[in-house]
Amino acid sequence: MKIGIVCYPSVGGSGIVATELGQVLARRGDEVHFISYDVPTRLAAHMEHFSFHHVDVPHYPLFRFPPYTLALASQIYTLAIQGDLDLIHAHYAIPHATSAHLARDMLMSRGKVLPVVTTLHGTDTDLVGQMPQYKPVVEYSLSCCDVVTAVSEYLKTITEEQFELGGKSIEVIYNPIDSETFSPRPKNDHHPCRTRIIVHVSNQRPVKRILDAVKVFDLIHTALPSKLLFVGDGPDRSLAEPCIERLGLNEHVEFVGKTANVHELIAGSDLLLSTSESESFGLTIAEAMSCEVPVVATSVGGVPEVLRDGIDGKLAPLGDIQAMAEAAIEILVSPECAQRMGQSGRRRVLETFNPDRIADQYKTVYEKVLERYRQKIIS
C-alpha cells in the first residue's frame, strides 16, 4: 500500500505519532511518503520503504503570509499524479485535511481518486478549531473525510459535541508508544536520603501550567531531597523562573530545553509530573509509563484513559497543588510502590499502545476505505 502521511515536523504530539506510525508501516513493507515543510523530528535517517517530500512555499512579495495550504495541496496532487499514493493520512485538521481535500478535488478533474483519512490530536479542534476564522473550514474538511479518527474517547466526544460533521462518526485509535526507545533503565540507588529526580516534559505553553509544577515541586522538596527537570521550552518559562527564584529553588530546578534524548531523561527519573489543564491523550505520560516511571498527573481530558489512578500512578484534580504533592511524595518515599506502579504502567503500554497493534488498526481503516472505493468503481 502507498500511504501519504501529512504531519507537522515539530516535537509536538501529532508529529511524533504520525512519525511512529509511518515508521512501523514502512518496516512492515508499506510504501510510506512523509509530506511536510521539514523532516519530522523522530524520523529515522535510514529506512527502506519510505520517502520524505519537502513542501516548498514560494515567497512572493504580494503574499503577506506564505500560502502553505496551497503549496501542500500541490505537493499531494503531484505525488498522486505520479502514481505514488493510494490514500492520504492527514494528521491535524487544518491545514492538512483541508489541503488533502483540495488536492483530491483537483485529482477528480483528472479522473483520479484519493481517499483521505484524518486523525485529530486535540489542539486542532479544541483550540485552533474553535477560532471563528477557522471553525467553518474545520467542519467542512472533517465532514468531507472518508474516515476521521481521534486519539481518545474524550477527544471524540468533544469534537462531536462542538462541530457539525454532517453525521460523520469518529473512530478512536490510541497513540502508538515506542516501547523500545522508551524502555526502563536500572535504578540501583535506593538510599532513602538520595535526591529524587522529577521530570516535567512539555512545550511550556499556558495550558501546561508549569507554575503549578513549580509549586508542587516546592512542597515535594520540602519533604525530601529532590530535583526538578523541565524538558522542552516555551513562553511560560519566563513566568516560571522568577517564581523559582522567589522560592529559593534555583539550585534544585533545571531547564534542560529541547533535546533528542527525552527518553533518557524520562527513564532516568523517579517520577513524571504533568500539571496540564487539557490533554487529549497525554503522550509524555504514556512514554513515562513505558519507561516504568510512575506518573502524577491532573485528571483532565483523555489522561484517565491512559493512566489508571492508583495503578500506574496517581491522578489529582486540576490545580490541586497539595493533592499532587502528597501523591508524589507517597510514591517517592516508597520504592516498592514506585516499582509496582512503574511495572504496571509498562504492561499497559505494551498491551494497549503497542505500535504494531495501532498500525493494524489503521491498516484496517485504510483497507476498508480503499475497498469502498473499489466497490464504487465496480458498481
Protein backbone atom coordinates (compact mmCIF):
# COMPACT_ATOMS: atom_id res chain seq x y z
CA MET A 1 0.00 0.00 0.00
CA LYS A 2 1.24 3.50 -0.86
CA ILE A 3 0.40 5.85 2.02
CA GLY A 4 0.95 9.60 2.14
CA ILE A 5 1.33 10.91 5.69
CA VAL A 6 0.97 14.65 6.21
CA CYS A 7 2.14 15.97 9.56
CA TYR A 8 3.89 18.78 11.36
CA PRO A 9 7.63 18.10 11.78
CA SER A 10 7.81 19.58 15.28
CA VAL A 11 8.27 17.76 18.57
CA GLY A 12 4.54 18.12 19.31
CA GLY A 13 2.42 15.04 19.81
CA SER A 14 0.81 14.91 16.36
CA GLY A 15 4.15 14.88 14.55
CA ILE A 16 5.56 12.23 16.87
CA VAL A 17 2.55 9.96 16.48
CA ALA A 18 2.49 10.33 12.69
CA THR A 19 6.19 9.52 12.52
CA GLU A 20 5.95 6.48 14.78
CA LEU A 21 3.02 5.12 12.78
CA GLY A 22 4.71 5.74 9.44
CA GLN A 23 7.91 4.02 10.52
CA VAL A 24 6.03 0.93 11.69
CA LEU A 25 4.14 0.74 8.39
CA ALA A 26 7.39 1.16 6.43
CA ARG A 27 9.15 -1.56 8.44
CA ARG A 28 6.27 -3.88 7.63
CA GLY A 29 6.61 -3.26 3.89
CA ASP A 30 4.15 -0.48 3.08
CA GLU A 31 5.44 2.40 0.97
CA VAL A 32 5.19 5.50 3.12
CA HIS A 33 5.56 9.08 1.89
CA PHE A 34 6.02 11.76 4.56
CA ILE A 35 4.94 15.20 3.36
CA SER A 36 5.86 18.30 5.36
CA TYR A 37 7.85 21.53 5.34
CA ASP A 38 10.70 19.89 7.25
CA VAL A 39 11.88 16.40 8.22
CA PRO A 40 9.87 15.14 11.24
CA THR A 41 11.93 15.17 14.42
CA ARG A 42 11.81 11.43 15.14
CA LEU A 43 12.05 10.20 11.57
CA ALA A 44 14.85 7.63 11.27
CA ALA A 45 17.63 8.63 8.91
CA HIS A 46 17.91 5.24 7.18
CA MET A 47 14.88 3.10 6.47
CA GLU A 48 13.51 1.22 3.50
CA HIS A 49 10.06 1.85 2.00
CA PHE A 50 9.75 5.49 2.94
CA SER A 51 10.36 8.83 1.27
CA PHE A 52 10.28 12.40 2.52
CA HIS A 53 8.77 15.11 0.32
CA HIS A 54 9.59 18.69 1.18
CA VAL A 55 6.83 21.27 0.70
CA ASP A 56 8.38 24.34 -0.87
CA VAL A 57 6.45 27.53 -0.15
CA PRO A 58 7.23 30.34 -2.59
CA HIS A 59 7.98 33.77 -1.21
CA TYR A 60 6.20 36.25 -3.42
CA PRO A 61 6.06 39.95 -2.45
CA LEU A 62 2.31 40.09 -2.94
CA PHE A 63 1.75 37.41 -0.28
CA ARG A 64 1.89 38.85 3.22
CA PHE A 65 1.67 35.29 4.59
CA PRO A 66 3.19 32.31 2.69
CA PRO A 67 0.32 30.13 1.35
CA TYR A 68 1.43 26.81 2.87
CA THR A 69 -2.01 25.24 2.45
CA LEU A 70 -1.85 25.68 -1.33
CA ALA A 71 1.75 24.51 -1.61
CA LEU A 72 0.90 21.41 0.40
CA ALA A 73 -2.13 20.67 -1.80
CA SER A 74 0.07 20.96 -4.89
CA GLN A 75 2.63 18.56 -3.44
CA ILE A 76 -0.05 15.98 -2.62
CA TYR A 77 -1.58 16.40 -6.07
CA THR A 78 1.79 15.93 -7.78
CA LEU A 79 2.58 12.75 -5.85
CA ALA A 80 -0.83 11.30 -6.66
CA ILE A 81 -0.47 12.12 -10.36
CA GLN A 82 2.89 10.34 -10.36
CA GLY A 83 1.11 7.26 -9.05
CA ASP A 84 2.80 7.25 -5.65
CA LEU A 85 -0.28 7.39 -3.42
CA ASP A 86 -3.21 5.10 -2.64
CA LEU A 87 -4.50 7.41 0.10
CA ILE A 88 -3.61 10.36 2.29
CA HIS A 89 -3.48 10.18 6.08
CA ALA A 90 -3.62 13.74 7.40
CA HIS A 91 -2.57 14.33 11.00
CA TYR A 92 -4.20 17.53 12.29
CA ALA A 93 -7.32 19.02 10.78
CA ILE A 94 -6.02 22.27 9.31
CA PRO A 95 -4.32 22.86 7.08
CA HIS A 96 -3.54 19.20 6.41
CA ALA A 97 -7.04 17.80 5.88
CA THR A 98 -8.01 20.97 4.03
CA SER A 99 -5.04 20.66 1.67
CA ALA A 100 -5.76 16.97 1.13
CA HIS A 101 -9.33 17.74 0.06
CA LEU A 102 -8.19 20.45 -2.31
CA ALA A 103 -5.74 18.01 -3.89
CA ARG A 104 -8.47 15.38 -4.11
CA ASP A 105 -10.80 17.79 -5.90
CA MET A 106 -8.03 18.69 -8.34
CA LEU A 107 -7.42 14.98 -8.99
CA MET A 108 -11.09 14.32 -9.67
CA SER A 109 -10.85 16.57 -12.72
CA ARG A 110 -8.17 14.17 -13.97
CA GLY A 111 -10.28 11.09 -13.31
CA LYS A 112 -8.26 10.02 -10.28
CA VAL A 113 -9.43 9.30 -6.73
CA LEU A 114 -7.57 9.94 -3.49
CA PRO A 115 -9.17 8.76 -0.23
CA VAL A 116 -8.50 10.94 2.81
CA VAL A 117 -8.18 9.75 6.42
CA THR A 118 -7.72 12.41 9.10
CA THR A 119 -6.55 11.91 12.67
CA LEU A 120 -7.43 14.54 15.28
CA HIS A 121 -4.88 15.18 18.02
CA GLY A 122 -6.58 17.77 20.22
CA THR A 123 -5.48 21.35 19.70
CA ASP A 124 -6.58 21.17 16.06
CA THR A 125 -10.18 21.03 17.24
CA ASP A 126 -10.41 22.17 20.87
CA LEU A 127 -8.13 25.20 20.36
CA VAL A 128 -7.45 26.17 16.74
CA GLY A 129 -10.74 24.74 15.54
CA GLN A 130 -12.72 26.91 17.95
CA MET A 131 -11.42 30.13 16.43
CA PRO A 132 -14.20 31.78 14.39
CA GLN A 133 -11.80 32.25 11.47
CA TYR A 134 -11.17 28.51 11.22
CA LYS A 135 -14.15 26.61 12.61
CA PRO A 136 -16.20 26.50 9.36
CA VAL A 137 -13.15 25.22 7.49
CA VAL A 138 -12.51 22.56 10.13
CA GLU A 139 -16.12 21.41 9.98
CA TYR A 140 -16.12 21.25 6.19
CA SER A 141 -12.75 19.49 6.00
CA LEU A 142 -13.72 16.83 8.52
CA SER A 143 -17.15 16.24 7.02
CA CYS A 144 -15.50 15.56 3.64
CA CYS A 145 -13.08 12.96 5.01
CA ASP A 146 -13.58 9.31 4.25
CA VAL A 147 -12.69 8.47 7.86
CA VAL A 148 -11.96 10.64 10.90
CA THR A 149 -10.12 9.17 13.87
CA ALA A 150 -9.34 10.63 17.29
CA VAL A 151 -6.66 9.66 19.79
CA SER A 152 -9.06 9.28 22.73
CA GLU A 153 -12.73 8.83 23.59
CA TYR A 154 -12.57 12.23 25.25
CA LEU A 155 -11.43 13.92 22.03
CA LYS A 156 -14.05 12.08 20.01
CA THR A 157 -16.81 13.23 22.37
CA ILE A 158 -15.88 16.91 22.48
CA THR A 159 -15.35 17.04 18.71
CA GLU A 160 -18.78 15.56 18.03
CA GLU A 161 -20.33 17.96 20.54
CA GLN A 162 -18.66 21.10 19.21
CA PHE A 163 -18.64 20.56 15.44
CA GLU A 164 -21.24 19.86 12.79
CA LEU A 165 -19.76 16.91 10.91
CA GLY A 166 -22.66 16.03 8.67
CA GLY A 167 -23.43 12.85 10.57
CA LYS A 168 -19.90 11.51 10.24
CA SER A 169 -18.82 9.29 13.13
CA ILE A 170 -15.33 9.33 14.63
CA GLU A 171 -13.30 6.20 15.32
CA VAL A 172 -10.96 6.11 18.33
CA ILE A 173 -7.44 4.78 17.79
CA TYR A 174 -4.98 5.44 20.59
CA ASN A 175 -1.45 6.72 20.07
CA PRO A 176 1.39 4.24 19.50
CA ILE A 177 4.25 4.30 22.01
CA ASP A 178 7.75 3.22 21.02
CA SER A 179 8.42 0.86 23.92
CA GLU A 180 11.92 0.02 22.66
CA THR A 181 13.12 3.62 22.77
CA PHE A 182 11.07 4.41 25.89
CA SER A 183 12.27 1.48 27.96
CA PRO A 184 13.23 1.04 31.64
CA ARG A 185 16.68 1.88 32.94
CA PRO A 186 18.17 0.23 36.03
CA LYS A 187 17.93 2.29 39.22
CA ASN A 188 20.45 0.97 41.71
CA ASP A 189 20.44 3.68 44.37
CA HIS A 190 17.51 3.16 46.75
CA HIS A 191 19.01 5.05 49.69
CA PRO A 192 16.20 6.98 51.45
CA CYS A 193 18.26 10.19 51.52
CA ARG A 194 19.20 10.23 47.86
CA THR A 195 17.98 13.01 45.59
CA ARG A 196 14.81 12.08 43.67
CA ILE A 197 14.60 13.24 40.07
CA ILE A 198 11.24 14.61 38.92
CA VAL A 199 10.71 15.43 35.25
CA HIS A 200 8.15 17.63 33.52
CA VAL A 201 8.02 17.41 29.72
CA SER A 202 6.05 19.99 27.73
CA ASN A 203 6.13 22.89 25.31
CA GLN A 204 5.58 25.18 28.32
CA ARG A 205 2.53 26.89 26.88
CA PRO A 206 -0.08 28.27 29.34
CA VAL A 207 -2.18 25.09 29.01
CA LYS A 208 0.70 23.09 30.58
CA ARG A 209 0.58 25.20 33.79
CA ILE A 210 4.27 24.92 34.61
CA LEU A 211 3.85 27.33 37.52
CA ASP A 212 1.75 24.59 39.13
CA ALA A 213 4.65 22.19 38.56
CA VAL A 214 7.00 24.59 40.37
CA LYS A 215 4.60 24.92 43.31
CA VAL A 216 4.09 21.15 43.54
CA PHE A 217 7.84 20.63 43.47
CA ASP A 218 8.33 23.21 46.22
CA LEU A 219 6.21 21.06 48.55
CA ILE A 220 7.97 17.87 47.45
CA HIS A 221 11.40 19.41 48.01
CA THR A 222 10.39 20.49 51.50
CA ALA A 223 9.65 16.84 52.34
CA LEU A 224 12.63 15.08 50.73
CA PRO A 225 15.78 15.77 48.67
CA SER A 226 14.70 16.26 45.06
CA LYS A 227 15.42 17.94 41.75
CA LEU A 228 13.03 19.09 39.03
CA LEU A 229 13.93 18.90 35.33
CA PHE A 230 11.90 20.92 32.84
CA VAL A 231 12.30 19.27 29.43
CA GLY A 232 11.19 21.36 26.45
CA ASP A 233 10.82 25.08 26.05
CA GLY A 234 8.10 27.65 25.59
CA PRO A 235 6.63 31.03 26.53
CA ASP A 236 5.84 30.30 30.18
CA ARG A 237 9.46 29.64 31.11
CA SER A 238 9.85 33.40 31.62
CA LEU A 239 7.00 33.28 34.16
CA ALA A 240 8.35 30.23 35.99
CA GLU A 241 11.90 31.48 36.50
CA PRO A 242 11.01 34.41 38.84
CA CYS A 243 8.80 32.05 40.86
CA ILE A 244 11.65 29.55 41.17
CA GLU A 245 13.99 32.30 42.37
CA ARG A 246 11.43 33.65 44.83
CA LEU A 247 11.00 30.17 46.36
CA GLY A 248 14.75 29.68 46.61
CA LEU A 249 14.75 26.69 44.25
CA ASN A 250 17.35 27.85 41.72
CA GLU A 251 19.82 25.11 42.62
CA HIS A 252 17.13 22.44 42.50
CA VAL A 253 15.35 23.23 39.21
CA GLU A 254 16.95 22.87 35.78
CA PHE A 255 15.60 23.88 32.39
CA VAL A 256 17.00 21.27 30.01
CA GLY A 257 15.37 22.75 26.91
CA LYS A 258 14.55 20.82 23.77
CA THR A 259 16.50 17.61 23.40
CA ALA A 260 16.53 14.47 21.29
CA ASN A 261 17.33 12.45 24.42
CA VAL A 262 13.99 12.96 26.15
CA HIS A 263 13.63 9.18 26.53
CA GLU A 264 16.85 9.01 28.55
CA LEU A 265 15.80 11.85 30.84
CA ILE A 266 12.40 10.27 31.48
CA ALA A 267 13.83 6.80 32.04
CA GLY A 268 16.44 8.18 34.44
CA SER A 269 13.86 9.96 36.59
CA ASP A 270 11.87 8.79 39.60
CA LEU A 271 8.59 10.48 38.67
CA LEU A 272 6.95 12.31 35.79
CA LEU A 273 4.80 15.28 36.82
CA SER A 274 2.07 16.51 34.45
CA THR A 275 0.10 19.59 35.50
CA SER A 276 -1.79 20.29 32.25
CA GLU A 277 -5.27 21.75 32.19
CA SER A 278 -6.04 19.94 28.93
CA GLU A 279 -4.67 16.78 27.31
CA SER A 280 -6.40 14.86 24.55
CA PHE A 281 -4.23 11.81 25.26
CA GLY A 282 -1.11 12.53 27.31
CA LEU A 283 1.76 11.29 25.15
CA THR A 284 4.55 12.01 27.63
CA ILE A 285 2.54 10.30 30.35
CA ALA A 286 2.38 7.11 28.29
CA GLU A 287 6.07 7.41 27.40
CA ALA A 288 6.94 7.62 31.11
CA MET A 289 4.77 4.58 31.79
CA SER A 290 6.68 2.75 29.05
CA CYS A 291 9.91 3.57 30.94
CA GLU A 292 8.42 2.11 34.17
CA VAL A 293 8.40 5.61 35.65
CA PRO A 294 5.36 6.34 37.82
CA VAL A 295 3.32 9.44 36.99
CA VAL A 296 1.39 12.07 38.92
CA ALA A 297 -0.96 13.94 36.60
CA THR A 298 -4.06 16.08 36.53
CA SER A 299 -7.26 14.18 35.83
CA VAL A 300 -8.17 16.04 32.65
CA GLY A 301 -9.21 15.19 29.10
CA GLY A 302 -8.03 11.80 27.87
CA VAL A 303 -5.48 11.29 30.66
CA PRO A 304 -7.69 8.88 32.69
CA GLU A 305 -7.91 6.70 29.55
CA VAL A 306 -4.12 6.37 29.59
CA LEU A 307 -3.20 6.40 33.29
CA ARG A 308 -5.18 4.30 35.75
CA ASP A 309 -5.36 6.10 39.08
CA GLY A 310 -3.63 4.16 41.86
CA ILE A 311 -2.36 1.53 39.43
CA ASP A 312 0.09 3.20 37.04
CA GLY A 313 0.42 6.40 39.06
CA LYS A 314 -1.80 8.99 40.69
CA LEU A 315 -4.39 11.43 39.33
CA ALA A 316 -5.34 14.67 41.07
CA PRO A 317 -7.84 17.45 40.40
CA LEU A 318 -6.67 20.29 38.18
CA GLY A 319 -4.88 22.97 40.19
CA ASP A 320 -4.82 20.99 43.44
CA ILE A 321 -1.18 21.61 44.35
CA GLN A 322 -1.44 19.93 47.75
CA ALA A 323 -3.01 16.74 46.38
CA MET A 324 -0.41 16.41 43.64
CA ALA A 325 2.46 16.95 46.06
CA GLU A 326 1.07 14.41 48.53
CA ALA A 327 0.60 11.86 45.75
CA ALA A 328 4.16 12.41 44.52
CA ILE A 329 5.67 12.12 48.00
CA GLU A 330 3.70 8.92 48.66
CA ILE A 331 5.27 7.36 45.56
CA LEU A 332 8.77 8.77 46.02
CA VAL A 333 9.22 7.58 49.63
CA SER A 334 8.23 4.01 48.75
CA PRO A 335 10.48 2.16 46.27
CA GLU A 336 8.04 -0.75 46.35
CA CYS A 337 5.11 1.47 45.37
CA ALA A 338 7.12 3.18 42.64
CA GLN A 339 8.26 -0.16 41.23
CA ARG A 340 4.77 -1.63 41.31
CA MET A 341 3.25 1.36 39.51
CA GLY A 342 6.09 1.54 37.03
CA GLN A 343 5.81 -2.11 36.05
CA SER A 344 2.03 -1.85 35.80
CA GLY A 345 2.35 1.18 33.54
CA ARG A 346 4.74 -0.56 31.16
CA ARG A 347 2.46 -3.60 30.93
CA ARG A 348 -0.40 -1.29 29.99
CA VAL A 349 1.66 0.36 27.26
CA LEU A 350 2.74 -2.99 25.82
CA GLU A 351 -0.84 -4.28 25.82
CA THR A 352 -2.80 -1.18 24.76
CA PHE A 353 -0.47 1.25 22.99
CA ASN A 354 1.72 -1.24 21.15
CA PRO A 355 2.80 0.28 17.79
CA ASP A 356 2.07 -2.89 15.81
CA ARG A 357 -1.40 -3.10 17.30
CA ILE A 358 -2.09 0.54 16.49
CA ALA A 359 -0.70 0.10 12.96
CA ASP A 360 -3.04 -2.88 12.47
CA GLN A 361 -5.99 -0.70 13.44
CA TYR A 362 -5.02 1.98 10.94
CA LYS A 363 -4.37 -0.59 8.22
CA THR A 364 -7.90 -1.93 8.77
CA VAL A 365 -9.21 1.63 8.31
CA TYR A 366 -7.17 2.09 5.12
CA GLU A 367 -8.30 -1.22 3.64
CA LYS A 368 -11.96 -0.51 4.36
CA VAL A 369 -11.70 2.89 2.69
CA LEU A 370 -9.95 1.51 -0.39
CA GLU A 371 -12.42 -1.36 -0.65
CA ARG A 372 -15.27 1.14 -0.52
CA TYR A 373 -13.77 2.99 -3.49
CA ARG A 374 -13.23 -0.27 -5.38
CA GLN A 375 -16.86 -1.19 -4.89
CA LYS A 376 -17.94 2.22 -6.22
CA ILE A 377 -15.86 1.68 -9.34
CA ILE A 378 -17.32 -1.80 -9.90
CA SER A 379 -20.89 -0.60 -9.46
